[in-house]
Amino acid sequence: MPRRSDDSENPRDNKFKIGTIFFLCDTIVRWSAAKGIGLITSRLTSALADEVLSSVLELFSPGEGDGSWHGGCLALAELARRGLLLPISFPKVVSVVVKALHYDIRRGPHSVGSHVRDAAAYVC
């Protein structure tokens, strides 16, 4: 298949694309995107699957919004459901899931985060 001029070789670009999907979309689209990430990852070599996991884990930085945290949890849940999380990655995954279980951001008179906590519980 011929390469298009917008095809990227940089893995950081893929992280940006994954993050954009989760940040800009609503819950149904995030869930579908997480399923797609799981399906694609199941067909990759273990080295490439580890890169996908690393990109998903980068979504859990403190500067990311609740959409990224929610989508990241859904993606981790899908990877776990498909048996794609290797035991060597458990410490990193458990660390971010524990943070997500406590996710709570104040916005004005209310807080945001119940959807992130629900998705983190689903990972467990």
PDB file of N, CA and C in Angstrom:
ATOM      1  N   MET A   1       0.843  -1.164   0.000  1.00  0.00           N
ATOM      2  CA  MET A   1       0.000   0.000   0.000  1.00  0.00           C
ATOM      3  C   MET A   1       0.890   1.229   0.000  1.00  0.00           C
ATOM      4  N   PRO A   2       0.628   2.224  -0.846  1.00  0.00           N
ATOM      5  CA  PRO A   2       1.465   3.419  -0.884  1.00  0.00           C
ATOM      6  C   PRO A   2       1.292   4.246   0.382  1.00  0.00           C
ATOM      7  N   ARG A   3       2.391   4.851   0.797  1.00  0.00           N
ATOM      8  CA  ARG A   3       2.351   5.696   1.993  1.00  0.00           C
ATOM      9  C   ARG A   3       1.761   7.049   1.662  1.00  0.00           C
ATOM     10  N   ARG A   4       0.947   7.531   2.556  1.00  0.00           N
ATOM     11  CA  ARG A   4       0.416   8.886   2.401  1.00  0.00           C
ATOM     12  C   ARG A   4       1.393   9.856   3.041  1.00  0.00           C
ATOM     13  N   SER A   5       1.341  11.082   2.636  1.00  0.00           N
ATOM     14  CA  SER A   5       2.280  12.068   3.169  1.00  0.00           C
ATOM     15  C   SER A   5       2.012  12.371   4.640  1.00  0.00           C
ATOM     16  N   ASP A   6       0.803  12.079   5.144  1.00  0.00           N
ATOM     17  CA  ASP A   6       0.511  12.367   6.538  1.00  0.00           C
ATOM     18  C   ASP A   6       0.767  11.181   7.466  1.00  0.00           C
ATOM     19  N   ASP A   7       1.252  10.049   6.932  1.00  0.00           N
ATOM     20  CA  ASP A   7       1.587   8.905   7.773  1.00  0.00           C
ATOM     21  C   ASP A   7       2.777   9.272   8.642  1.00  0.00           C
ATOM     22  N   SER A   8       2.773   8.802   9.878  1.00  0.00           N
ATOM     23  CA  SER A   8       3.796   9.196  10.833  1.00  0.00           C
ATOM     24  C   SER A   8       4.648   8.009  11.253  1.00  0.00           C
ATOM     25  N   GLU A   9       5.917   8.268  11.444  1.00  0.00           N
ATOM     26  CA  GLU A   9       6.835   7.257  11.949  1.00  0.00           C
ATOM     27  C   GLU A   9       7.148   7.490  13.419  1.00  0.00           C
ATOM     28  N   ASN A  10       6.728   8.614  13.970  1.00  0.00           N
ATOM     29  CA  ASN A  10       7.080   8.991  15.320  1.00  0.00           C
ATOM     30  C   ASN A  10       6.070   8.422  16.319  1.00  0.00           C
ATOM     31  N   PRO A  11       6.505   7.554  17.267  1.00  0.00           N
ATOM     32  CA  PRO A  11       5.567   6.979  18.230  1.00  0.00           C
ATOM     33  C   PRO A  11       4.903   8.030  19.107  1.00  0.00           C
ATOM     34  N   ARG A  12       5.573   9.169  19.333  1.00  0.00           N
ATOM     35  CA  ARG A  12       4.965  10.229  20.134  1.00  0.00           C
ATOM     36  C   ARG A  12       3.716  10.775  19.453  1.00  0.00           C
ATOM     37  N   ASP A  13       3.696  10.777  18.134  1.00  0.00           N
ATOM     38  CA  ASP A  13       2.511  11.205  17.406  1.00  0.00           C
ATOM     39  C   ASP A  13       1.343  10.272  17.689  1.00  0.00           C
ATOM     40  N   ASN A  14       1.621   8.981  17.825  1.00  0.00           N
ATOM     41  CA  ASN A  14       0.563   8.024  18.124  1.00  0.00           C
ATOM     42  C   ASN A  14      -0.014   8.274  19.508  1.00  0.00           C
ATOM     43  N   LYS A  15       0.838   8.633  20.479  1.00  0.00           N
ATOM     44  CA  LYS A  15       0.360   8.956  21.825  1.00  0.00           C
ATOM     45  C   LYS A  15      -0.558  10.155  21.739  1.00  0.00           C
ATOM     46  N   PHE A  16      -0.175  11.157  20.951  1.00  0.00           N
ATOM     47  CA  PHE A  16      -1.012  12.339  20.798  1.00  0.00           C
ATOM     48  C   PHE A  16      -2.363  11.967  20.213  1.00  0.00           C
ATOM     49  N   LYS A  17      -2.367  11.089  19.228  1.00  0.00           N
ATOM     50  CA  LYS A  17      -3.624  10.681  18.606  1.00  0.00           C
ATOM     51  C   LYS A  17      -4.495   9.921  19.588  1.00  0.00           C
ATOM     52  N   ILE A  18      -3.905   9.023  20.374  1.00  0.00           N
ATOM     53  CA  ILE A  18      -4.668   8.285  21.371  1.00  0.00           C
ATOM     54  C   ILE A  18      -5.232   9.254  22.401  1.00  0.00           C
ATOM     55  N   GLY A  19      -4.413  10.160  22.872  1.00  0.00           N
ATOM     56  CA  GLY A  19      -4.872  11.143  23.851  1.00  0.00           C
ATOM     57  C   GLY A  19      -5.966  12.036  23.321  1.00  0.00           C
ATOM     58  N   THR A  20      -5.866  12.429  22.064  1.00  0.00           N
ATOM     59  CA  THR A  20      -6.880  13.285  21.459  1.00  0.00           C
ATOM     60  C   THR A  20      -8.217  12.569  21.363  1.00  0.00           C
ATOM     61  N   ILE A  21      -8.204  11.301  20.998  1.00  0.00           N
ATOM     62  CA  ILE A  21      -9.446  10.537  20.912  1.00  0.00           C
ATOM     63  C   ILE A  21     -10.148  10.545  22.260  1.00  0.00           C
ATOM     64  N   PHE A  22      -9.413  10.297  23.326  1.00  0.00           N
ATOM     65  CA  PHE A  22     -10.031  10.195  24.636  1.00  0.00           C
ATOM     66  C   PHE A  22     -10.418  11.557  25.199  1.00  0.00           C
ATOM     67  N   PHE A  23      -9.641  12.580  24.894  1.00  0.00           N
ATOM     68  CA  PHE A  23      -9.907  13.894  25.476  1.00  0.00           C
ATOM     69  C   PHE A  23     -11.104  14.579  24.821  1.00  0.00           C
ATOM     70  N   LEU A  24     -11.241  14.444  23.530  1.00  0.00           N
ATOM     71  CA  LEU A  24     -12.248  15.207  22.797  1.00  0.00           C
ATOM     72  C   LEU A  24     -13.593  14.508  22.650  1.00  0.00           C
ATOM     73  N   CYS A  25     -13.692  13.264  22.995  1.00  0.00           N
ATOM     74  CA  CYS A  25     -14.899  12.505  22.693  1.00  0.00           C
ATOM     75  C   CYS A  25     -15.721  12.219  23.941  1.00  0.00           C
ATOM     76  N   ASP A  26     -16.957  11.791  23.707  1.00  0.00           N
ATOM     77  CA  ASP A  26     -17.817  11.423  24.825  1.00  0.00           C
ATOM     78  C   ASP A  26     -17.601   9.958  25.211  1.00  0.00           C
ATOM     79  N   THR A  27     -18.336   9.508  26.201  1.00  0.00           N
ATOM     80  CA  THR A  27     -18.107   8.188  26.785  1.00  0.00           C
ATOM     81  C   THR A  27     -18.253   7.050  25.779  1.00  0.00           C
ATOM     82  N   ILE A  28     -19.269   7.090  24.942  1.00  0.00           N
ATOM     83  CA  ILE A  28     -19.492   5.999  23.989  1.00  0.00           C
ATOM     84  C   ILE A  28     -18.328   5.899  23.007  1.00  0.00           C
ATOM     85  N   VAL A  29     -17.846   7.033  22.549  1.00  0.00           N
ATOM     86  CA  VAL A  29     -16.717   7.023  21.608  1.00  0.00           C
ATOM     87  C   VAL A  29     -15.448   6.573  22.316  1.00  0.00           C
ATOM     88  N   ARG A  30     -15.259   6.990  23.569  1.00  0.00           N
ATOM     89  CA  ARG A  30     -14.079   6.535  24.327  1.00  0.00           C
ATOM     90  C   ARG A  30     -14.104   5.016  24.490  1.00  0.00           C
ATOM     91  N   TRP A  31     -15.275   4.478  24.792  1.00  0.00           N
ATOM     92  CA  TRP A  31     -15.395   3.034  24.982  1.00  0.00           C
ATOM     93  C   TRP A  31     -15.082   2.307  23.679  1.00  0.00           C
ATOM     94  N   SER A  32     -15.607   2.808  22.571  1.00  0.00           N
ATOM     95  CA  SER A  32     -15.318   2.196  21.269  1.00  0.00           C
ATOM     96  C   SER A  32     -13.835   2.314  20.931  1.00  0.00           C
ATOM     97  N   ALA A  33     -13.242   3.461  21.236  1.00  0.00           N
ATOM     98  CA  ALA A  33     -11.814   3.647  20.976  1.00  0.00           C
ATOM     99  C   ALA A  33     -10.984   2.683  21.827  1.00  0.00           C
ATOM    100  N   ALA A  34     -11.373   2.498  23.082  1.00  0.00           N
ATOM    101  CA  ALA A  34     -10.659   1.566  23.959  1.00  0.00           C
ATOM    102  C   ALA A  34     -10.749   0.141  23.413  1.00  0.00           C
ATOM    103  N   LYS A  35     -11.918  -0.237  22.923  1.00  0.00           N
ATOM    104  CA  LYS A  35     -12.069  -1.568  22.327  1.00  0.00           C
ATOM    105  C   LYS A  35     -11.182  -1.704  21.094  1.00  0.00           C
ATOM    106  N   GLY A  36     -11.115  -0.653  20.286  1.00  0.00           N
ATOM    107  CA  GLY A  36     -10.269  -0.672  19.100  1.00  0.00           C
ATOM    108  C   GLY A  36      -8.798  -0.786  19.452  1.00  0.00           C
ATOM    109  N   ILE A  37      -8.384  -0.068  20.491  1.00  0.00           N
ATOM    110  CA  ILE A  37      -6.995  -0.151  20.936  1.00  0.00           C
ATOM    111  C   ILE A  37      -6.684  -1.567  21.408  1.00  0.00           C
ATOM    112  N   GLY A  38      -7.612  -2.178  22.122  1.00  0.00           N
ATOM    113  CA  GLY A  38      -7.411  -3.555  22.571  1.00  0.00           C
ATOM    114  C   GLY A  38      -7.314  -4.525  21.410  1.00  0.00           C
ATOM    115  N   LEU A  39      -8.194  -4.361  20.432  1.00  0.00           N
ATOM    116  CA  LEU A  39      -8.190  -5.256  19.270  1.00  0.00           C
ATOM    117  C   LEU A  39      -6.894  -5.123  18.471  1.00  0.00           C
ATOM    118  N   ILE A  40      -6.484  -3.902  18.218  1.00  0.00           N
ATOM    119  CA  ILE A  40      -5.249  -3.673  17.460  1.00  0.00           C
ATOM    120  C   ILE A  40      -4.042  -4.198  18.244  1.00  0.00           C
ATOM    121  N   THR A  41      -4.013  -3.913  19.537  1.00  0.00           N
ATOM    122  CA  THR A  41      -2.891  -4.342  20.368  1.00  0.00           C
ATOM    123  C   THR A  41      -2.785  -5.857  20.410  1.00  0.00           C
ATOM    124  N   SER A  42      -3.925  -6.553  20.355  1.00  0.00           N
ATOM    125  CA  SER A  42      -3.893  -8.014  20.396  1.00  0.00           C
ATOM    126  C   SER A  42      -3.226  -8.608  19.161  1.00  0.00           C
ATOM    127  N   ARG A  43      -3.094  -7.827  18.121  1.00  0.00           N
ATOM    128  CA  ARG A  43      -2.481  -8.317  16.889  1.00  0.00           C
ATOM    129  C   ARG A  43      -1.033  -7.849  16.708  1.00  0.00           C
ATOM    130  N   LEU A  44      -0.515  -7.128  17.690  1.00  0.00           N
ATOM    131  CA  LEU A  44       0.851  -6.608  17.610  1.00  0.00           C
ATOM    132  C   LEU A  44       1.834  -7.542  18.302  1.00  0.00           C
ATOM    133  N   THR A  45       3.102  -7.349  17.991  1.00  0.00           N
ATOM    134  CA  THR A  45       4.148  -8.057  18.718  1.00  0.00           C
ATOM    135  C   THR A  45       4.180  -7.530  20.150  1.00  0.00           C
ATOM    136  N   SER A  46       4.808  -8.269  21.039  1.00  0.00           N
ATOM    137  CA  SER A  46       4.830  -7.840  22.443  1.00  0.00           C
ATOM    138  C   SER A  46       5.582  -6.519  22.618  1.00  0.00           C
ATOM    139  N   ALA A  47       6.596  -6.272  21.809  1.00  0.00           N
ATOM    140  CA  ALA A  47       7.335  -5.002  21.902  1.00  0.00           C
ATOM    141  C   ALA A  47       6.446  -3.824  21.510  1.00  0.00           C
ATOM    142  N   LEU A  48       5.697  -3.987  20.434  1.00  0.00           N
ATOM    143  CA  LEU A  48       4.798  -2.912  20.015  1.00  0.00           C
ATOM    144  C   LEU A  48       3.624  -2.768  20.975  1.00  0.00           C
ATOM    145  N   ALA A  49       3.139  -3.871  21.508  1.00  0.00           N
ATOM    146  CA  ALA A  49       2.057  -3.811  22.494  1.00  0.00           C
ATOM    147  C   ALA A  49       2.517  -3.067  23.743  1.00  0.00           C
ATOM    148  N   ASP A  50       3.779  -3.242  24.112  1.00  0.00           N
ATOM    149  CA  ASP A  50       4.333  -2.513  25.251  1.00  0.00           C
ATOM    150  C   ASP A  50       4.379  -1.016  24.971  1.00  0.00           C
ATOM    151  N   GLU A  51       4.651  -0.627  23.739  1.00  0.00           N
ATOM    152  CA  GLU A  51       4.633   0.790  23.368  1.00  0.00           C
ATOM    153  C   GLU A  51       3.226   1.358  23.472  1.00  0.00           C
ATOM    154  N   VAL A  52       2.231   0.583  23.065  1.00  0.00           N
ATOM    155  CA  VAL A  52       0.844   1.027  23.192  1.00  0.00           C
ATOM    156  C   VAL A  52       0.508   1.225  24.669  1.00  0.00           C
ATOM    157  N   LEU A  53       0.884   0.265  25.512  1.00  0.00           N
ATOM    158  CA  LEU A  53       0.639   0.384  26.944  1.00  0.00           C
ATOM    159  C   LEU A  53       1.321   1.627  27.507  1.00  0.00           C
ATOM    160  N   SER A  54       2.542   1.887  27.092  1.00  0.00           N
ATOM    161  CA  SER A  54       3.256   3.079  27.557  1.00  0.00           C
ATOM    162  C   SER A  54       2.514   4.346  27.146  1.00  0.00           C
ATOM    163  N   SER A  55       1.993   4.376  25.932  1.00  0.00           N
ATOM    164  CA  SER A  55       1.233   5.538  25.472  1.00  0.00           C
ATOM    165  C   SER A  55      -0.042   5.721  26.282  1.00  0.00           C
ATOM    166  N   VAL A  56      -0.703   4.625  26.590  1.00  0.00           N
ATOM    167  CA  VAL A  56      -1.920   4.715  27.407  1.00  0.00           C
ATOM    168  C   VAL A  56      -1.571   5.207  28.802  1.00  0.00           C
ATOM    169  N   LEU A  57      -0.491   4.712  29.382  1.00  0.00           N
ATOM    170  CA  LEU A  57      -0.105   5.127  30.731  1.00  0.00           C
ATOM    171  C   LEU A  57       0.257   6.608  30.792  1.00  0.00           C
ATOM    172  N   GLU A  58       0.732   7.169  29.692  1.00  0.00           N
ATOM    173  CA  GLU A  58       1.065   8.590  29.662  1.00  0.00           C
ATOM    174  C   GLU A  58      -0.177   9.471  29.743  1.00  0.00           C
ATOM    175  N   LEU A  59      -1.341   8.906  29.498  1.00  0.00           N
ATOM    176  CA  LEU A  59      -2.586   9.670  29.588  1.00  0.00           C
ATOM    177  C   LEU A  59      -2.937  10.028  31.026  1.00  0.00           C
ATOM    178  N   PHE A  60      -2.270   9.414  31.984  1.00  0.00           N
ATOM    179  CA  PHE A  60      -2.601   9.603  33.384  1.00  0.00           C
ATOM    180  C   PHE A  60      -1.741  10.661  34.066  1.00  0.00           C
ATOM    181  N   SER A  61      -1.162  11.579  33.313  1.00  0.00           N
ATOM    182  CA  SER A  61      -0.362  12.629  33.934  1.00  0.00           C
ATOM    183  C   SER A  61      -1.300  13.646  34.594  1.00  0.00           C
ATOM    184  N   PRO A  62      -0.816  14.328  35.616  1.00  0.00           N
ATOM    185  CA  PRO A  62      -1.679  15.265  36.345  1.00  0.00           C
ATOM    186  C   PRO A  62      -2.260  16.387  35.472  1.00  0.00           C
ATOM    187  N   GLY A  63      -1.577  16.750  34.406  1.00  0.00           N
ATOM    188  CA  GLY A  63      -2.057  17.821  33.544  1.00  0.00           C
ATOM    189  C   GLY A  63      -3.160  17.421  32.587  1.00  0.00           C
ATOM    190  N   GLU A  64      -3.425  16.134  32.466  1.00  0.00           N
ATOM    191  CA  GLU A  64      -4.467  15.651  31.544  1.00  0.00           C
ATOM    192  C   GLU A  64      -5.842  15.841  32.164  1.00  0.00           C
ATOM    193  N   GLY A  65      -6.829  16.002  31.316  1.00  0.00           N
ATOM    194  CA  GLY A  65      -8.196  16.189  31.777  1.00  0.00           C
ATOM    195  C   GLY A  65      -8.872  14.882  32.148  1.00  0.00           C
ATOM    196  N   ASP A  66     -10.079  15.009  32.670  1.00  0.00           N
ATOM    197  CA  ASP A  66     -10.806  13.829  33.112  1.00  0.00           C
ATOM    198  C   ASP A  66     -11.152  12.902  31.949  1.00  0.00           C
ATOM    199  N   GLY A  67     -11.310  13.436  30.741  1.00  0.00           N
ATOM    200  CA  GLY A  67     -11.583  12.597  29.580  1.00  0.00           C
ATOM    201  C   GLY A  67     -10.428  11.663  29.269  1.00  0.00           C
ATOM    202  N   SER A  68      -9.216  12.161  29.407  1.00  0.00           N
ATOM    203  CA  SER A  68      -8.037  11.316  29.176  1.00  0.00           C
ATOM    204  C   SER A  68      -7.920  10.236  30.240  1.00  0.00           C
ATOM    205  N   TRP A  69      -8.175  10.598  31.483  1.00  0.00           N
ATOM    206  CA  TRP A  69      -8.124   9.613  32.572  1.00  0.00           C
ATOM    207  C   TRP A  69      -9.207   8.556  32.367  1.00  0.00           C
ATOM    208  N   HIS A  70     -10.399   8.982  32.003  1.00  0.00           N
ATOM    209  CA  HIS A  70     -11.501   8.044  31.780  1.00  0.00           C
ATOM    210  C   HIS A  70     -11.173   7.108  30.621  1.00  0.00           C
ATOM    211  N   GLY A  71     -10.743   7.659  29.506  1.00  0.00           N
ATOM    212  CA  GLY A  71     -10.388   6.855  28.346  1.00  0.00           C
ATOM    213  C   GLY A  71      -9.217   5.932  28.617  1.00  0.00           C
ATOM    214  N   GLY A  72      -8.242   6.425  29.370  1.00  0.00           N
ATOM    215  CA  GLY A  72      -7.106   5.594  29.727  1.00  0.00           C
ATOM    216  C   GLY A  72      -7.517   4.387  30.565  1.00  0.00           C
ATOM    217  N   CYS A  73      -8.427   4.620  31.509  1.00  0.00           N
ATOM    218  CA  CYS A  73      -8.926   3.498  32.323  1.00  0.00           C
ATOM    219  C   CYS A  73      -9.688   2.498  31.464  1.00  0.00           C
ATOM    220  N   LEU A  74     -10.500   2.990  30.552  1.00  0.00           N
ATOM    221  CA  LEU A  74     -11.233   2.082  29.670  1.00  0.00           C
ATOM    222  C   LEU A  74     -10.270   1.272  28.808  1.00  0.00           C
ATOM    223  N   ALA A  75      -9.207   1.922  28.325  1.00  0.00           N
ATOM    224  CA  ALA A  75      -8.216   1.209  27.511  1.00  0.00           C
ATOM    225  C   ALA A  75      -7.479   0.163  28.345  1.00  0.00           C
ATOM    226  N   LEU A  76      -7.103   0.508  29.580  1.00  0.00           N
ATOM    227  CA  LEU A  76      -6.446  -0.470  30.443  1.00  0.00           C
ATOM    228  C   LEU A  76      -7.372  -1.646  30.742  1.00  0.00           C
ATOM    229  N   ALA A  77      -8.646  -1.356  30.959  1.00  0.00           N
ATOM    230  CA  ALA A  77      -9.611  -2.428  31.219  1.00  0.00           C
ATOM    231  C   ALA A  77      -9.720  -3.363  30.019  1.00  0.00           C
ATOM    232  N   GLU A  78      -9.725  -2.788  28.833  1.00  0.00           N
ATOM    233  CA  GLU A  78      -9.826  -3.611  27.627  1.00  0.00           C
ATOM    234  C   GLU A  78      -8.560  -4.434  27.424  1.00  0.00           C
ATOM    235  N   LEU A  79      -7.403  -3.844  27.681  1.00  0.00           N
ATOM    236  CA  LEU A  79      -6.151  -4.598  27.568  1.00  0.00           C
ATOM    237  C   LEU A  79      -6.125  -5.737  28.590  1.00  0.00           C
ATOM    238  N   ALA A  80      -6.601  -5.471  29.797  1.00  0.00           N
ATOM    239  CA  ALA A  80      -6.645  -6.508  30.824  1.00  0.00           C
ATOM    240  C   ALA A  80      -7.633  -7.604  30.444  1.00  0.00           C
ATOM    241  N   ARG A  81      -8.796  -7.214  29.933  1.00  0.00           N
ATOM    242  CA  ARG A  81      -9.817  -8.187  29.549  1.00  0.00           C
ATOM    243  C   ARG A  81      -9.295  -9.145  28.484  1.00  0.00           C
ATOM    244  N   ARG A  82      -8.464  -8.626  27.592  1.00  0.00           N
ATOM    245  CA  ARG A  82      -7.912  -9.443  26.517  1.00  0.00           C
ATOM    246  C   ARG A  82      -6.637 -10.181  26.929  1.00  0.00           C
ATOM    247  N   GLY A  83      -6.207 -10.016  28.165  1.00  0.00           N
ATOM    248  CA  GLY A  83      -5.011 -10.706  28.650  1.00  0.00           C
ATOM    249  C   GLY A  83      -3.724 -10.131  28.084  1.00  0.00           C
ATOM    250  N   LEU A  84      -3.723  -8.843  27.777  1.00  0.00           N
ATOM    251  CA  LEU A  84      -2.558  -8.230  27.140  1.00  0.00           C
ATOM    252  C   LEU A  84      -1.647  -7.497  28.122  1.00  0.00           C
ATOM    253  N   LEU A  85      -2.032  -7.457  29.380  1.00  0.00           N
ATOM    254  CA  LEU A  85      -1.168  -6.833  30.384  1.00  0.00           C
ATOM    255  C   LEU A  85      -0.262  -7.902  30.964  1.00  0.00           C
ATOM    256  N   LEU A  86       1.013  -7.754  30.733  1.00  0.00           N
ATOM    257  CA  LEU A  86       1.981  -8.719  31.244  1.00  0.00           C
ATOM    258  C   LEU A  86       2.285  -8.420  32.707  1.00  0.00           C
ATOM    259  N   PRO A  87       2.618  -9.446  33.490  1.00  0.00           N
ATOM    260  CA  PRO A  87       2.902  -9.233  34.918  1.00  0.00           C
ATOM    261  C   PRO A  87       3.976  -8.183  35.180  1.00  0.00           C
ATOM    262  N   ILE A  88       4.908  -8.027  34.270  1.00  0.00           N
ATOM    263  CA  ILE A  88       5.957  -7.022  34.472  1.00  0.00           C
ATOM    264  C   ILE A  88       5.398  -5.601  34.468  1.00  0.00           C
ATOM    265  N   SER A  89       4.246  -5.398  33.830  1.00  0.00           N
ATOM    266  CA  SER A  89       3.648  -4.061  33.763  1.00  0.00           C
ATOM    267  C   SER A  89       2.681  -3.792  34.912  1.00  0.00           C
ATOM    268  N   PHE A  90       2.382  -4.780  35.741  1.00  0.00           N
ATOM    269  CA  PHE A  90       1.404  -4.616  36.819  1.00  0.00           C
ATOM    270  C   PHE A  90       1.726  -3.471  37.779  1.00  0.00           C
ATOM    271  N   PRO A  91       2.987  -3.300  38.226  1.00  0.00           N
ATOM    272  CA  PRO A  91       3.247  -2.187  39.164  1.00  0.00           C
ATOM    273  C   PRO A  91       2.876  -0.816  38.583  1.00  0.00           C
ATOM    274  N   LYS A  92       3.194  -0.583  37.322  1.00  0.00           N
ATOM    275  CA  LYS A  92       2.853   0.703  36.703  1.00  0.00           C
ATOM    276  C   LYS A  92       1.344   0.846  36.554  1.00  0.00           C
ATOM    277  N   VAL A  93       0.691  -0.224  36.123  1.00  0.00           N
ATOM    278  CA  VAL A  93      -0.753  -0.181  35.904  1.00  0.00           C
ATOM    279  C   VAL A  93      -1.494   0.003  37.226  1.00  0.00           C
ATOM    280  N   VAL A  94      -1.103  -0.751  38.238  1.00  0.00           N
ATOM    281  CA  VAL A  94      -1.772  -0.645  39.542  1.00  0.00           C
ATOM    282  C   VAL A  94      -1.599   0.754  40.111  1.00  0.00           C
ATOM    283  N   SER A  95      -0.431   1.330  39.930  1.00  0.00           N
ATOM    284  CA  SER A  95      -0.166   2.680  40.434  1.00  0.00           C
ATOM    285  C   SER A  95      -1.139   3.699  39.841  1.00  0.00           C
ATOM    286  N   VAL A  96      -1.327   3.670  38.522  1.00  0.00           N
ATOM    287  CA  VAL A  96      -2.232   4.655  37.907  1.00  0.00           C
ATOM    288  C   VAL A  96      -3.692   4.337  38.208  1.00  0.00           C
ATOM    289  N   VAL A  97      -4.040   3.068  38.342  1.00  0.00           N
ATOM    290  CA  VAL A  97      -5.427   2.713  38.663  1.00  0.00           C
ATOM    291  C   VAL A  97      -5.772   3.178  40.077  1.00  0.00           C
ATOM    292  N   VAL A  98      -4.840   3.046  41.011  1.00  0.00           N
ATOM    293  CA  VAL A  98      -5.085   3.527  42.371  1.00  0.00           C
ATOM    294  C   VAL A  98      -5.307   5.046  42.352  1.00  0.00           C
ATOM    295  N   LYS A  99      -4.504   5.772  41.592  1.00  0.00           N
ATOM    296  CA  LYS A  99      -4.699   7.225  41.474  1.00  0.00           C
ATOM    297  C   LYS A  99      -6.062   7.529  40.860  1.00  0.00           C
ATOM    298  N   ALA A 100      -6.453   6.752  39.856  1.00  0.00           N
ATOM    299  CA  ALA A 100      -7.739   6.974  39.200  1.00  0.00           C
ATOM    300  C   ALA A 100      -8.902   6.662  40.136  1.00  0.00           C
ATOM    301  N   LEU A 101      -8.732   5.691  41.027  1.00  0.00           N
ATOM    302  CA  LEU A 101      -9.788   5.370  41.990  1.00  0.00           C
ATOM    303  C   LEU A 101     -10.040   6.521  42.965  1.00  0.00           C
ATOM    304  N   HIS A 102      -9.055   7.401  43.110  1.00  0.00           N
ATOM    305  CA  HIS A 102      -9.184   8.562  43.994  1.00  0.00           C
ATOM    306  C   HIS A 102      -9.378   9.871  43.218  1.00  0.00           C
ATOM    307  N   TYR A 103      -9.591   9.792  41.931  1.00  0.00           N
ATOM    308  CA  TYR A 103      -9.686  10.981  41.081  1.00  0.00           C
ATOM    309  C   TYR A 103     -10.885  11.832  41.493  1.00  0.00           C
ATOM    310  N   ASP A 104     -10.624  13.091  41.780  1.00  0.00           N
ATOM    311  CA  ASP A 104     -11.688  14.027  42.146  1.00  0.00           C
ATOM    312  C   ASP A 104     -11.163  15.439  41.928  1.00  0.00           C
ATOM    313  N   ILE A 105     -11.755  16.147  40.988  1.00  0.00           N
ATOM    314  CA  ILE A 105     -11.335  17.502  40.664  1.00  0.00           C
ATOM    315  C   ILE A 105     -12.497  18.455  40.950  1.00  0.00           C
ATOM    316  N   ARG A 106     -12.220  19.497  41.710  1.00  0.00           N
ATOM    317  CA  ARG A 106     -13.257  20.498  41.997  1.00  0.00           C
ATOM    318  C   ARG A 106     -13.393  21.435  40.806  1.00  0.00           C
ATOM    319  N   ARG A 107     -14.618  21.634  40.363  1.00  0.00           N
ATOM    320  CA  ARG A 107     -14.935  22.611  39.311  1.00  0.00           C
ATOM    321  C   ARG A 107     -16.100  23.445  39.801  1.00  0.00           C
ATOM    322  N   GLY A 108     -15.771  24.615  40.287  1.00  0.00           N
ATOM    323  CA  GLY A 108     -16.816  25.473  40.849  1.00  0.00           C
ATOM    324  C   GLY A 108     -17.401  24.833  42.089  1.00  0.00           C
ATOM    325  N   PRO A 109     -18.718  24.829  42.185  1.00  0.00           N
ATOM    326  CA  PRO A 109     -19.368  24.289  43.393  1.00  0.00           C
ATOM    327  C   PRO A 109     -19.507  22.760  43.405  1.00  0.00           C
ATOM    328  N   HIS A 110     -19.045  22.097  42.372  1.00  0.00           N
ATOM    329  CA  HIS A 110     -19.169  20.635  42.320  1.00  0.00           C
ATOM    330  C   HIS A 110     -17.833  20.007  41.943  1.00  0.00           C
ATOM    331  N   SER A 111     -17.791  18.695  41.982  1.00  0.00           N
ATOM    332  CA  SER A 111     -16.563  17.990  41.614  1.00  0.00           C
ATOM    333  C   SER A 111     -16.829  17.068  40.430  1.00  0.00           C
ATOM    334  N   VAL A 112     -15.745  16.763  39.722  1.00  0.00           N
ATOM    335  CA  VAL A 112     -15.799  15.893  38.553  1.00  0.00           C
ATOM    336  C   VAL A 112     -14.905  14.700  38.826  1.00  0.00           C
ATOM    337  N   GLY A 113     -15.340  13.534  38.445  1.00  0.00           N
ATOM    338  CA  GLY A 113     -14.471  12.383  38.589  1.00  0.00           C
ATOM    339  C   GLY A 113     -15.172  11.064  38.806  1.00  0.00           C
ATOM    340  N   SER A 114     -16.474  11.059  38.976  1.00  0.00           N
ATOM    341  CA  SER A 114     -17.147   9.781  39.242  1.00  0.00           C
ATOM    342  C   SER A 114     -16.994   8.819  38.071  1.00  0.00           C
ATOM    343  N   HIS A 115     -16.999   9.345  36.838  1.00  0.00           N
ATOM    344  CA  HIS A 115     -16.844   8.469  35.674  1.00  0.00           C
ATOM    345  C   HIS A 115     -15.436   7.883  35.607  1.00  0.00           C
ATOM    346  N   VAL A 116     -14.447   8.645  36.052  1.00  0.00           N
ATOM    347  CA  VAL A 116     -13.070   8.140  36.091  1.00  0.00           C
ATOM    348  C   VAL A 116     -12.959   7.044  37.147  1.00  0.00           C
ATOM    349  N   ARG A 117     -13.533   7.287  38.320  1.00  0.00           N
ATOM    350  CA  ARG A 117     -13.491   6.284  39.387  1.00  0.00           C
ATOM    351  C   ARG A 117     -14.230   5.012  38.975  1.00  0.00           C
ATOM    352  N   ASP A 118     -15.375   5.163  38.297  1.00  0.00           N
ATOM    353  CA  ASP A 118     -16.110   3.983  37.821  1.00  0.00           C
ATOM    354  C   ASP A 118     -15.283   3.172  36.821  1.00  0.00           C
ATOM    355  N   ALA A 119     -14.630   3.870  35.900  1.00  0.00           N
ATOM    356  CA  ALA A 119     -13.805   3.166  34.898  1.00  0.00           C
ATOM    357  C   ALA A 119     -12.607   2.504  35.573  1.00  0.00           C
ATOM    358  N   ALA A 120     -12.036   3.147  36.584  1.00  0.00           N
ATOM    359  CA  ALA A 120     -10.906   2.552  37.300  1.00  0.00           C
ATOM    360  C   ALA A 120     -11.363   1.293  38.039  1.00  0.00           C
ATOM    361  N   ALA A 121     -12.560   1.316  38.598  1.00  0.00           N
ATOM    362  CA  ALA A 121     -13.087   0.126  39.263  1.00  0.00           C
ATOM    363  C   ALA A 121     -13.290  -1.001  38.259  1.00  0.00           C
ATOM    364  N   TYR A 122     -13.655  -0.649  37.038  1.00  0.00           N
ATOM    365  CA  TYR A 122     -13.850  -1.654  36.013  1.00  0.00           C
ATOM    366  C   TYR A 122     -12.529  -2.341  35.637  1.00  0.00           C
ATOM    367  N   VAL A 123     -11.421  -1.594  35.721  1.00  0.00           N
ATOM    368  CA  VAL A 123     -10.111  -2.197  35.442  1.00  0.00           C
ATOM    369  C   VAL A 123      -9.844  -3.319  36.448  1.00  0.00           C
ATOM    370  N   CYS A 124     -10.237  -3.069  37.699  1.00  0.00           N
ATOM    371  CA  CYS A 124      -9.997  -4.062  38.761  1.00  0.00           C
ATOM    372  C   CYS A 124     -10.811  -5.299  38.513  1.00  0.00           C
TER     373      CYS A 124
END
